[in-house]
Amino acid sequence: MEEKQIGAVDHFFGNISVSMIKLTDTLKVGDKIHIKGNTSDFVQDISSMQIDRVPAQEAKAGDLISIKVDQKVRKDDAVYKI
């Protein structure tokens, strides 16, 4: 199971459990990610994502995406694609 860092958490909205992630590589709906930080360490599938509040199937490097996350994350947590 090889992992490649594709971005980092930019912001987390705890009340709706949504994370903003600044990408350094591409990401698609259906991909599996691993979020790891000082207190975060979990894997989840990307079932949906948004770019500027518009649903998207794919995002590229430089995009700021928002996704629903299963657990709390923190700014600068690393995001890896599995």
PDB file of N, CA and C in Angstrom:
ATOM      1  N   MET A   1       0.851  -1.181   0.000  1.00  0.00           N
ATOM      2  CA  MET A   1       0.000   0.000   0.000  1.00  0.00           C
ATOM      3  C   MET A   1       0.897   1.244   0.000  1.00  0.00           C
ATOM      4  N   GLU A   2       1.158   1.775  -1.179  1.00  0.00           N
ATOM      5  CA  GLU A   2       2.028   2.939  -1.299  1.00  0.00           C
ATOM      6  C   GLU A   2       1.221   4.212  -1.173  1.00  0.00           C
ATOM      7  N   GLU A   3       1.764   5.169  -0.426  1.00  0.00           N
ATOM      8  CA  GLU A   3       1.088   6.444  -0.223  1.00  0.00           C
ATOM      9  C   GLU A   3       1.916   7.570  -0.817  1.00  0.00           C
ATOM     10  N   LYS A   4       1.207   8.556  -1.377  1.00  0.00           N
ATOM     11  CA  LYS A   4       1.869   9.725  -1.948  1.00  0.00           C
ATOM     12  C   LYS A   4       1.175  10.961  -1.394  1.00  0.00           C
ATOM     13  N   GLN A   5       1.951  11.887  -0.838  1.00  0.00           N
ATOM     14  CA  GLN A   5       1.331  13.095  -0.304  1.00  0.00           C
ATOM     15  C   GLN A   5       0.771  13.933  -1.441  1.00  0.00           C
ATOM     16  N   ILE A   6      -0.495  14.315  -1.294  1.00  0.00           N
ATOM     17  CA  ILE A   6      -1.160  15.085  -2.349  1.00  0.00           C
ATOM     18  C   ILE A   6      -1.693  16.421  -1.836  1.00  0.00           C
ATOM     19  N   GLY A   7      -1.415  16.747  -0.579  1.00  0.00           N
ATOM     20  CA  GLY A   7      -1.902  18.020  -0.066  1.00  0.00           C
ATOM     21  C   GLY A   7      -1.852  18.091   1.438  1.00  0.00           C
ATOM     22  N   ALA A   8      -2.486  19.151   1.962  1.00  0.00           N
ATOM     23  CA  ALA A   8      -2.532  19.370   3.409  1.00  0.00           C
ATOM     24  C   ALA A   8      -3.851  20.045   3.766  1.00  0.00           C
ATOM     25  N   VAL A   9      -4.280  19.809   5.000  1.00  0.00           N
ATOM     26  CA  VAL A   9      -5.515  20.416   5.496  1.00  0.00           C
ATOM     27  C   VAL A   9      -5.285  21.920   5.643  1.00  0.00           C
ATOM     28  N   ASP A  10      -6.202  22.706   5.090  1.00  0.00           N
ATOM     29  CA  ASP A  10      -6.123  24.163   5.167  1.00  0.00           C
ATOM     30  C   ASP A  10      -7.051  24.710   6.258  1.00  0.00           C
ATOM     31  N   HIS A  11      -8.200  24.047   6.421  1.00  0.00           N
ATOM     32  CA  HIS A  11      -9.184  24.509   7.411  1.00  0.00           C
ATOM     33  C   HIS A  11     -10.130  23.361   7.744  1.00  0.00           C
ATOM     34  N   PHE A  12     -10.700  23.378   8.958  1.00  0.00           N
ATOM     35  CA  PHE A  12     -11.667  22.357   9.362  1.00  0.00           C
ATOM     36  C   PHE A  12     -12.876  23.022   9.980  1.00  0.00           C
ATOM     37  N   PHE A  13     -14.057  22.660   9.505  1.00  0.00           N
ATOM     38  CA  PHE A  13     -15.315  23.157  10.049  1.00  0.00           C
ATOM     39  C   PHE A  13     -15.916  22.056  10.920  1.00  0.00           C
ATOM     40  N   GLY A  14     -15.712  22.147  12.218  1.00  0.00           N
ATOM     41  CA  GLY A  14     -16.115  21.099  13.155  1.00  0.00           C
ATOM     42  C   GLY A  14     -17.615  20.877  13.229  1.00  0.00           C
ATOM     43  N   ASN A  15     -18.400  21.952  13.102  1.00  0.00           N
ATOM     44  CA  ASN A  15     -19.848  21.807  13.247  1.00  0.00           C
ATOM     45  C   ASN A  15     -20.477  20.992  12.111  1.00  0.00           C
ATOM     46  N   ILE A  16     -19.833  20.968  10.927  1.00  0.00           N
ATOM     47  CA  ILE A  16     -20.364  20.180   9.814  1.00  0.00           C
ATOM     48  C   ILE A  16     -19.404  19.079   9.374  1.00  0.00           C
ATOM     49  N   SER A  17     -18.274  18.956  10.087  1.00  0.00           N
ATOM     50  CA  SER A  17     -17.279  17.909   9.815  1.00  0.00           C
ATOM     51  C   SER A  17     -16.776  17.938   8.370  1.00  0.00           C
ATOM     52  N   VAL A  18     -16.422  19.139   7.913  1.00  0.00           N
ATOM     53  CA  VAL A  18     -15.908  19.330   6.560  1.00  0.00           C
ATOM     54  C   VAL A  18     -14.493  19.892   6.638  1.00  0.00           C
ATOM     55  N   SER A  19     -13.624  19.343   5.797  1.00  0.00           N
ATOM     56  CA  SER A  19     -12.237  19.786   5.745  1.00  0.00           C
ATOM     57  C   SER A  19     -11.950  20.448   4.404  1.00  0.00           C
ATOM     58  N   MET A  20     -11.224  21.553   4.448  1.00  0.00           N
ATOM     59  CA  MET A  20     -10.714  22.196   3.238  1.00  0.00           C
ATOM     60  C   MET A  20      -9.295  21.688   3.050  1.00  0.00           C
ATOM     61  N   ILE A  21      -8.980  21.200   1.858  1.00  0.00           N
ATOM     62  CA  ILE A  21      -7.662  20.632   1.582  1.00  0.00           C
ATOM     63  C   ILE A  21      -7.047  21.331   0.378  1.00  0.00           C
ATOM     64  N   LYS A  22      -5.833  21.832   0.547  1.00  0.00           N
ATOM     65  CA  LYS A  22      -5.076  22.447  -0.551  1.00  0.00           C
ATOM     66  C   LYS A  22      -4.282  21.337  -1.230  1.00  0.00           C
ATOM     67  N   LEU A  23      -4.576  21.095  -2.500  1.00  0.00           N
ATOM     68  CA  LEU A  23      -3.962  19.975  -3.223  1.00  0.00           C
ATOM     69  C   LEU A  23      -2.648  20.348  -3.898  1.00  0.00           C
ATOM     70  N   THR A  24      -1.724  19.375  -3.919  1.00  0.00           N
ATOM     71  CA  THR A  24      -0.473  19.506  -4.661  1.00  0.00           C
ATOM     72  C   THR A  24      -0.422  18.466  -5.781  1.00  0.00           C
ATOM     73  N   ASP A  25      -1.495  17.680  -5.920  1.00  0.00           N
ATOM     74  CA  ASP A  25      -1.605  16.659  -6.961  1.00  0.00           C
ATOM     75  C   ASP A  25      -3.086  16.432  -7.239  1.00  0.00           C
ATOM     76  N   THR A  26      -3.405  15.548  -8.174  1.00  0.00           N
ATOM     77  CA  THR A  26      -4.805  15.317  -8.538  1.00  0.00           C
ATOM     78  C   THR A  26      -5.502  14.383  -7.543  1.00  0.00           C
ATOM     79  N   LEU A  27      -6.816  14.524  -7.465  1.00  0.00           N
ATOM     80  CA  LEU A  27      -7.656  13.686  -6.616  1.00  0.00           C
ATOM     81  C   LEU A  27      -9.000  13.537  -7.297  1.00  0.00           C
ATOM     82  N   LYS A  28      -9.569  12.317  -7.255  1.00  0.00           N
ATOM     83  CA  LYS A  28     -10.857  12.046  -7.888  1.00  0.00           C
ATOM     84  C   LYS A  28     -11.815  11.432  -6.875  1.00  0.00           C
ATOM     85  N   VAL A  29     -13.099  11.597  -7.133  1.00  0.00           N
ATOM     86  CA  VAL A  29     -14.110  10.899  -6.347  1.00  0.00           C
ATOM     87  C   VAL A  29     -13.866   9.399  -6.545  1.00  0.00           C
ATOM     88  N   GLY A  30     -13.872   8.644  -5.465  1.00  0.00           N
ATOM     89  CA  GLY A  30     -13.593   7.210  -5.518  1.00  0.00           C
ATOM     90  C   GLY A  30     -12.201   6.871  -5.013  1.00  0.00           C
ATOM     91  N   ASP A  31     -11.301   7.873  -4.967  1.00  0.00           N
ATOM     92  CA  ASP A  31      -9.954   7.639  -4.426  1.00  0.00           C
ATOM     93  C   ASP A  31     -10.023   7.429  -2.920  1.00  0.00           C
ATOM     94  N   LYS A  32      -8.996   6.810  -2.387  1.00  0.00           N
ATOM     95  CA  LYS A  32      -8.885   6.596  -0.941  1.00  0.00           C
ATOM     96  C   LYS A  32      -7.748   7.468  -0.429  1.00  0.00           C
ATOM     97  N   ILE A  33      -8.004   8.195   0.675  1.00  0.00           N
ATOM     98  CA  ILE A  33      -6.974   9.061   1.250  1.00  0.00           C
ATOM     99  C   ILE A  33      -6.660   8.658   2.688  1.00  0.00           C
ATOM    100  N   HIS A  34      -5.467   9.058   3.119  1.00  0.00           N
ATOM    101  CA  HIS A  34      -5.007   8.856   4.493  1.00  0.00           C
ATOM    102  C   HIS A  34      -4.645  10.231   5.026  1.00  0.00           C
ATOM    103  N   ILE A  35      -5.302  10.654   6.101  1.00  0.00           N
ATOM    104  CA  ILE A  35      -5.005  11.939   6.725  1.00  0.00           C
ATOM    105  C   ILE A  35      -4.216  11.667   7.995  1.00  0.00           C
ATOM    106  N   LYS A  36      -3.044  12.298   8.088  1.00  0.00           N
ATOM    107  CA  LYS A  36      -2.163  12.033   9.222  1.00  0.00           C
ATOM    108  C   LYS A  36      -1.592  13.340   9.759  1.00  0.00           C
ATOM    109  N   GLY A  37      -1.662  13.483  11.072  1.00  0.00           N
ATOM    110  CA  GLY A  37      -1.107  14.655  11.755  1.00  0.00           C
ATOM    111  C   GLY A  37      -0.721  14.277  13.167  1.00  0.00           C
ATOM    112  N   ASN A  38      -0.526  15.270  14.015  1.00  0.00           N
ATOM    113  CA  ASN A  38      -0.135  14.993  15.401  1.00  0.00           C
ATOM    114  C   ASN A  38      -1.183  14.170  16.139  1.00  0.00           C
ATOM    115  N   THR A  39      -2.461  14.463  15.886  1.00  0.00           N
ATOM    116  CA  THR A  39      -3.528  13.737  16.578  1.00  0.00           C
ATOM    117  C   THR A  39      -4.487  13.047  15.611  1.00  0.00           C
ATOM    118  N   SER A  40      -4.283  13.221  14.314  1.00  0.00           N
ATOM    119  CA  SER A  40      -5.151  12.608  13.304  1.00  0.00           C
ATOM    120  C   SER A  40      -4.406  11.476  12.618  1.00  0.00           C
ATOM    121  N   ASP A  41      -5.121  10.384  12.366  1.00  0.00           N
ATOM    122  CA  ASP A  41      -4.530   9.263  11.627  1.00  0.00           C
ATOM    123  C   ASP A  41      -5.651   8.314  11.226  1.00  0.00           C
ATOM    124  N   PHE A  42      -6.224   8.534  10.036  1.00  0.00           N
ATOM    125  CA  PHE A  42      -7.312   7.677   9.581  1.00  0.00           C
ATOM    126  C   PHE A  42      -7.358   7.642   8.066  1.00  0.00           C
ATOM    127  N   VAL A  43      -8.048   6.623   7.550  1.00  0.00           N
ATOM    128  CA  VAL A  43      -8.201   6.417   6.109  1.00  0.00           C
ATOM    129  C   VAL A  43      -9.680   6.545   5.768  1.00  0.00           C
ATOM    130  N   GLN A  44      -9.968   7.152   4.635  1.00  0.00           N
ATOM    131  CA  GLN A  44     -11.362   7.213   4.189  1.00  0.00           C
ATOM    132  C   GLN A  44     -11.429   7.336   2.677  1.00  0.00           C
ATOM    133  N   ASP A  45     -12.587   6.950   2.135  1.00  0.00           N
ATOM    134  CA  ASP A  45     -12.842   7.062   0.703  1.00  0.00           C
ATOM    135  C   ASP A  45     -13.418   8.444   0.407  1.00  0.00           C
ATOM    136  N   ILE A  46     -13.117   8.943  -0.777  1.00  0.00           N
ATOM    137  CA  ILE A  46     -13.697  10.217  -1.231  1.00  0.00           C
ATOM    138  C   ILE A  46     -15.003   9.881  -1.949  1.00  0.00           C
ATOM    139  N   SER A  47     -16.133  10.172  -1.292  1.00  0.00           N
ATOM    140  CA  SER A  47     -17.427   9.888  -1.910  1.00  0.00           C
ATOM    141  C   SER A  47     -17.955  11.105  -2.656  1.00  0.00           C
ATOM    142  N   SER A  48     -17.518  12.301  -2.242  1.00  0.00           N
ATOM    143  CA  SER A  48     -17.890  13.527  -2.950  1.00  0.00           C
ATOM    144  C   SER A  48     -16.918  14.628  -2.546  1.00  0.00           C
ATOM    145  N   MET A  49     -16.820  15.636  -3.402  1.00  0.00           N
ATOM    146  CA  MET A  49     -15.984  16.791  -3.075  1.00  0.00           C
ATOM    147  C   MET A  49     -16.533  18.010  -3.786  1.00  0.00           C
ATOM    148  N   GLN A  50     -16.113  19.170  -3.305  1.00  0.00           N
ATOM    149  CA  GLN A  50     -16.539  20.424  -3.913  1.00  0.00           C
ATOM    150  C   GLN A  50     -15.336  21.334  -4.118  1.00  0.00           C
ATOM    151  N   ILE A  51     -15.410  22.130  -5.171  1.00  0.00           N
ATOM    152  CA  ILE A  51     -14.440  23.196  -5.420  1.00  0.00           C
ATOM    153  C   ILE A  51     -15.248  24.473  -5.488  1.00  0.00           C
ATOM    154  N   ASP A  52     -14.982  25.426  -4.618  1.00  0.00           N
ATOM    155  CA  ASP A  52     -15.760  26.680  -4.557  1.00  0.00           C
ATOM    156  C   ASP A  52     -17.258  26.405  -4.446  1.00  0.00           C
ATOM    157  N   ARG A  53     -17.618  25.476  -3.597  1.00  0.00           N
ATOM    158  CA  ARG A  53     -19.022  25.105  -3.319  1.00  0.00           C
ATOM    159  C   ARG A  53     -19.743  24.491  -4.502  1.00  0.00           C
ATOM    160  N   VAL A  54     -19.003  24.059  -5.513  1.00  0.00           N
ATOM    161  CA  VAL A  54     -19.587  23.404  -6.684  1.00  0.00           C
ATOM    162  C   VAL A  54     -19.125  21.952  -6.696  1.00  0.00           C
ATOM    163  N   PRO A  55     -20.049  20.987  -6.744  1.00  0.00           N
ATOM    164  CA  PRO A  55     -19.642  19.574  -6.773  1.00  0.00           C
ATOM    165  C   PRO A  55     -18.683  19.293  -7.931  1.00  0.00           C
ATOM    166  N   ALA A  56     -17.664  18.475  -7.657  1.00  0.00           N
ATOM    167  CA  ALA A  56     -16.663  18.143  -8.670  1.00  0.00           C
ATOM    168  C   ALA A  56     -16.325  16.663  -8.589  1.00  0.00           C
ATOM    169  N   GLN A  57     -15.986  16.078  -9.728  1.00  0.00           N
ATOM    170  CA  GLN A  57     -15.567  14.677  -9.777  1.00  0.00           C
ATOM    171  C   GLN A  57     -14.054  14.540  -9.686  1.00  0.00           C
ATOM    172  N   GLU A  58     -13.345  15.601 -10.064  1.00  0.00           N
ATOM    173  CA  GLU A  58     -11.882  15.560 -10.086  1.00  0.00           C
ATOM    174  C   GLU A  58     -11.327  16.939  -9.757  1.00  0.00           C
ATOM    175  N   ALA A  59     -10.201  16.959  -9.037  1.00  0.00           N
ATOM    176  CA  ALA A  59      -9.526  18.213  -8.705  1.00  0.00           C
ATOM    177  C   ALA A  59      -8.047  18.065  -9.036  1.00  0.00           C
ATOM    178  N   LYS A  60      -7.404  19.201  -9.314  1.00  0.00           N
ATOM    179  CA  LYS A  60      -5.995  19.156  -9.706  1.00  0.00           C
ATOM    180  C   LYS A  60      -5.140  19.944  -8.719  1.00  0.00           C
ATOM    181  N   ALA A  61      -3.834  19.855  -8.900  1.00  0.00           N
ATOM    182  CA  ALA A  61      -2.898  20.580  -8.041  1.00  0.00           C
ATOM    183  C   ALA A  61      -3.239  22.064  -8.039  1.00  0.00           C
ATOM    184  N   GLY A  62      -3.211  22.654  -6.850  1.00  0.00           N
ATOM    185  CA  GLY A  62      -3.532  24.069  -6.719  1.00  0.00           C
ATOM    186  C   GLY A  62      -4.961  24.328  -6.297  1.00  0.00           C
ATOM    187  N   ASP A  63      -5.840  23.335  -6.480  1.00  0.00           N
ATOM    188  CA  ASP A  63      -7.242  23.509  -6.092  1.00  0.00           C
ATOM    189  C   ASP A  63      -7.396  23.435  -4.573  1.00  0.00           C
ATOM    190  N   LEU A  64      -8.360  24.167  -4.063  1.00  0.00           N
ATOM    191  CA  LEU A  64      -8.748  24.103  -2.658  1.00  0.00           C
ATOM    192  C   LEU A  64     -10.099  23.399  -2.635  1.00  0.00           C
ATOM    193  N   ILE A  65     -10.105  22.158  -2.169  1.00  0.00           N
ATOM    194  CA  ILE A  65     -11.331  21.359  -2.182  1.00  0.00           C
ATOM    195  C   ILE A  65     -11.916  21.250  -0.784  1.00  0.00           C
ATOM    196  N   SER A  66     -13.191  20.917  -0.721  1.00  0.00           N
ATOM    197  CA  SER A  66     -13.831  20.628   0.561  1.00  0.00           C
ATOM    198  C   SER A  66     -14.420  19.225   0.487  1.00  0.00           C
ATOM    199  N   ILE A  67     -14.180  18.458   1.550  1.00  0.00           N
ATOM    200  CA  ILE A  67     -14.721  17.105   1.643  1.00  0.00           C
ATOM    201  C   ILE A  67     -15.256  16.870   3.049  1.00  0.00           C
ATOM    202  N   LYS A  68     -16.235  15.991   3.140  1.00  0.00           N
ATOM    203  CA  LYS A  68     -16.758  15.554   4.431  1.00  0.00           C
ATOM    204  C   LYS A  68     -15.754  14.554   4.997  1.00  0.00           C
ATOM    205  N   VAL A  69     -15.371  14.712   6.268  1.00  0.00           N
ATOM    206  CA  VAL A  69     -14.406  13.802   6.885  1.00  0.00           C
ATOM    207  C   VAL A  69     -15.050  13.056   8.051  1.00  0.00           C
ATOM    208  N   ASP A  70     -14.527  11.850   8.290  1.00  0.00           N
ATOM    209  CA  ASP A  70     -15.074  10.984   9.337  1.00  0.00           C
ATOM    210  C   ASP A  70     -14.632  11.400  10.734  1.00  0.00           C
ATOM    211  N   GLN A  71     -13.481  12.061  10.832  1.00  0.00           N
ATOM    212  CA  GLN A  71     -12.937  12.441  12.132  1.00  0.00           C
ATOM    213  C   GLN A  71     -12.433  13.875  12.081  1.00  0.00           C
ATOM    214  N   LYS A  72     -12.123  14.416  13.267  1.00  0.00           N
ATOM    215  CA  LYS A  72     -11.600  15.773  13.354  1.00  0.00           C
ATOM    216  C   LYS A  72     -10.193  15.818  12.754  1.00  0.00           C
ATOM    217  N   VAL A  73      -9.912  16.867  11.999  1.00  0.00           N
ATOM    218  CA  VAL A  73      -8.571  17.083  11.442  1.00  0.00           C
ATOM    219  C   VAL A  73      -8.114  18.484  11.847  1.00  0.00           C
ATOM    220  N   ARG A  74      -6.837  18.729  11.665  1.00  0.00           N
ATOM    221  CA  ARG A  74      -6.283  20.029  12.040  1.00  0.00           C
ATOM    222  C   ARG A  74      -5.488  20.627  10.888  1.00  0.00           C
ATOM    223  N   LYS A  75      -5.352  21.937  10.918  1.00  0.00           N
ATOM    224  CA  LYS A  75      -4.592  22.646   9.875  1.00  0.00           C
ATOM    225  C   LYS A  75      -3.201  22.031   9.748  1.00  0.00           C
ATOM    226  N   ASP A  76      -2.762  21.878   8.528  1.00  0.00           N
ATOM    227  CA  ASP A  76      -1.442  21.338   8.169  1.00  0.00           C
ATOM    228  C   ASP A  76      -1.309  19.821   8.339  1.00  0.00           C
ATOM    229  N   ASP A  77      -2.391  19.108   8.693  1.00  0.00           N
ATOM    230  CA  ASP A  77      -2.332  17.641   8.659  1.00  0.00           C
ATOM    231  C   ASP A  77      -2.037  17.228   7.209  1.00  0.00           C
ATOM    232  N   ALA A  78      -1.184  16.245   7.029  1.00  0.00           N
ATOM    233  CA  ALA A  78      -0.820  15.776   5.690  1.00  0.00           C
ATOM    234  C   ALA A  78      -1.918  14.886   5.120  1.00  0.00           C
ATOM    235  N   VAL A  79      -2.146  15.011   3.813  1.00  0.00           N
ATOM    236  CA  VAL A  79      -3.145  14.193   3.118  1.00  0.00           C
ATOM    237  C   VAL A  79      -2.418  13.366   2.059  1.00  0.00           C
ATOM    238  N   TYR A  80      -2.573  12.048   2.159  1.00  0.00           N
ATOM    239  CA  TYR A  80      -1.920  11.109   1.232  1.00  0.00           C
ATOM    240  C   TYR A  80      -2.971  10.377   0.421  1.00  0.00           C
ATOM    241  N   LYS A  81      -2.651  10.101  -0.851  1.00  0.00           N
ATOM    242  CA  LYS A  81      -3.505   9.240  -1.680  1.00  0.00           C
ATOM    243  C   LYS A  81      -2.942   7.834  -1.603  1.00  0.00           C
ATOM    244  N   ILE A  82      -3.816   6.857  -1.373  1.00  0.00           N
ATOM    245  CA  ILE A  82      -3.385   5.452  -1.248  1.00  0.00           C
ATOM    246  C   ILE A  82      -3.543   4.758  -2.567  1.00  0.00           C
TER     247      ILE A  82
END
